[in-house]
């Protein structure tokens, strides 16, 4: 039922009882009581180009699946909130989900004075939750789901999915008095009604309530992982948690997936490019590789012979700060491994899209796995172990491995099974989220919001933050560092198998021309997965193994201009993958792969840019004979993206052609 905010049934609202807590759930330190109702809030805004400010022209608030409350002004909103508050019982709170709360917060802060303890942000301008008027608890459903609203409502298969915004025309200027069409109103309503349906359905599937439902997408995995690690002997994790100096070295060594384009093929239209992806790359190394399973011993500086003895004969997990004299990429290597950003004291360096081709000297912090890759790819005059830490290698705890396997088997068993789409999606998301959980920085400076200063990062003592984190840690940070290192090594193996035909890689994917034989590699991965149990049977009886390279098909044409910047034609269909460009719109706008070259401008697919007006220079604006209040807001502008490369990269590509 759609009602104006003045016509809402406040008696119905007051009759809603408090949500019952599950046995043993005390609601955390806040001890908040929640009304047993799921609500969702959203606003639609309009950019006033004449003053480059944005205003809210309609708000909608969904109460369970019963009422969609509509208002057009912030005055109506404040009045409505006050009436809700008058019907609240002592200690009672109302949960309100907002998809991308960070956006709405920029407007809410203009009508309400938030105190620092009412806002919880993960990063600057990334608000996870906030409270208003002592009883409203806004939660961000985008951070909770890690999906767009369209994707979330679609995957949860709710009745009122987000409507296509193509015909909504966000560029049209609208005001609180603008008459909306029924289609436009339906668009507004579905945004909140569909969100309520999705949250309720997810809680039902997982057996959650408003007290237990995780705030973030990794919260589900964190809950399961904590339960699994309770089966591991007491003191196992606490005995290996890093001290401050080890933590600093781990942070220096941490690195994500390896993404790079072979300079010898960049800016060339290639034919018959094969694409092979590693199955469940991060879960595979978690299940099948060895990790540091003891505290790190600080050995300090040592000789190269001593370092190699630690790695090879003593089989230690080694974390090291090293200096390299005259590193130079070997002839024919198309994916230089040493990162410029992860190196220090670089002298006379030559780079390939952020990677070191050669230098007179550099220092970096790496693991023994990284060193193995560097020694394959580079020649150098000398290696200097400046500061070395080492720990015992071993398999991760079986309960933690089994958790990964259970997600993998659920995902594989449920794929393409009619009626199980939601459970498949949740299993897949959990499997993908395990790595993210292990790689979370245990030291996170608190983001503080103050009305007069906005978002600021506190400068708390790192040692104190680490000590506090270690008191509640159930996974050691080094496992995340080693997960990405192992995955980069497995990718490097794929790059070497592709050989001179290697064209492009991205975390778990290798693209190449010519022939490559993956048989021997895959046999090793299958043997590992059979031993650990990291395999699963799909609905058709086919067995799948973690870690094997599987064909994703062959592109008729492929062209890249660097990392995260490529286009291909597969089965006659053009696809564009560029960071910051909408894939669907970009593919349509480009039209043909022959246009994928420097200077092409993506206009429709260029996305949007956000301009934050924290303290607008004007407080009101007159239009149509009416006055509109201008408060804190964010203006969304259409953005363009021009395809190109840096001058240094262009020079390198030209020199590579000559070579």
Foldseek 3Di string as FASTA:
>chain_A
DEDELVPDDLVVVLPFAWDDDDPPQQLPPVSAIEGQWEKEKDFAWAADVVQRFIDTQKMWMDTQLPYIYIDGDVVSVVVSVVSNVVSDDPSYAYEYEYAQVLAVVLVVVFVAFFAFVQFFAQDFSRTQWGDPPVHYIYGHVCQAAVDHQQVLLVLLVDPLHQDDCPPVPSNDGDHNPRDDDPVNVSNNRSSTSSVSRSVVSVCVVVVHGPSPRDSGNQVVLVVLLVVLLVPPDPPQALQAAAADVVLVLLVLAFDFFAWKFFLLFAPHKDFWKWKWFFFLLLLLCLLFPKFFRGHKDKPFWDAPVVVVCCCPVVNWKKKFKKKFAWKAFDPLDRRADAFPVSKPPFAPFADAQRHTRTTRMIIGIHIPLSVVLSVVTIDTDDMTGGIMIIGHIDHDDLSNSVVLLVLLQQLQACPPPPPCSSVNVSSVSSNVCPLVVLQDSQQRFTWTQGLVPGTDTDDDDRSVSSVVSSVPDSHHNRVSRVSRSVQNSLVVVVQVQLGSQWGIDTSGMTMGDDDGDQVVVQVVQQVSCVVSVNWYAYNVRDIGHGGGIDIPAIFRIKHANITQFIWTHDPNAIFTGHVQFDTVLVSVVCVDRVSRDFFDKAQPRNFKDKDWDQDRPDQWDDDPNDIDGGTTRIRIGGDMDTDDDDPSNVVVSVVSVVD
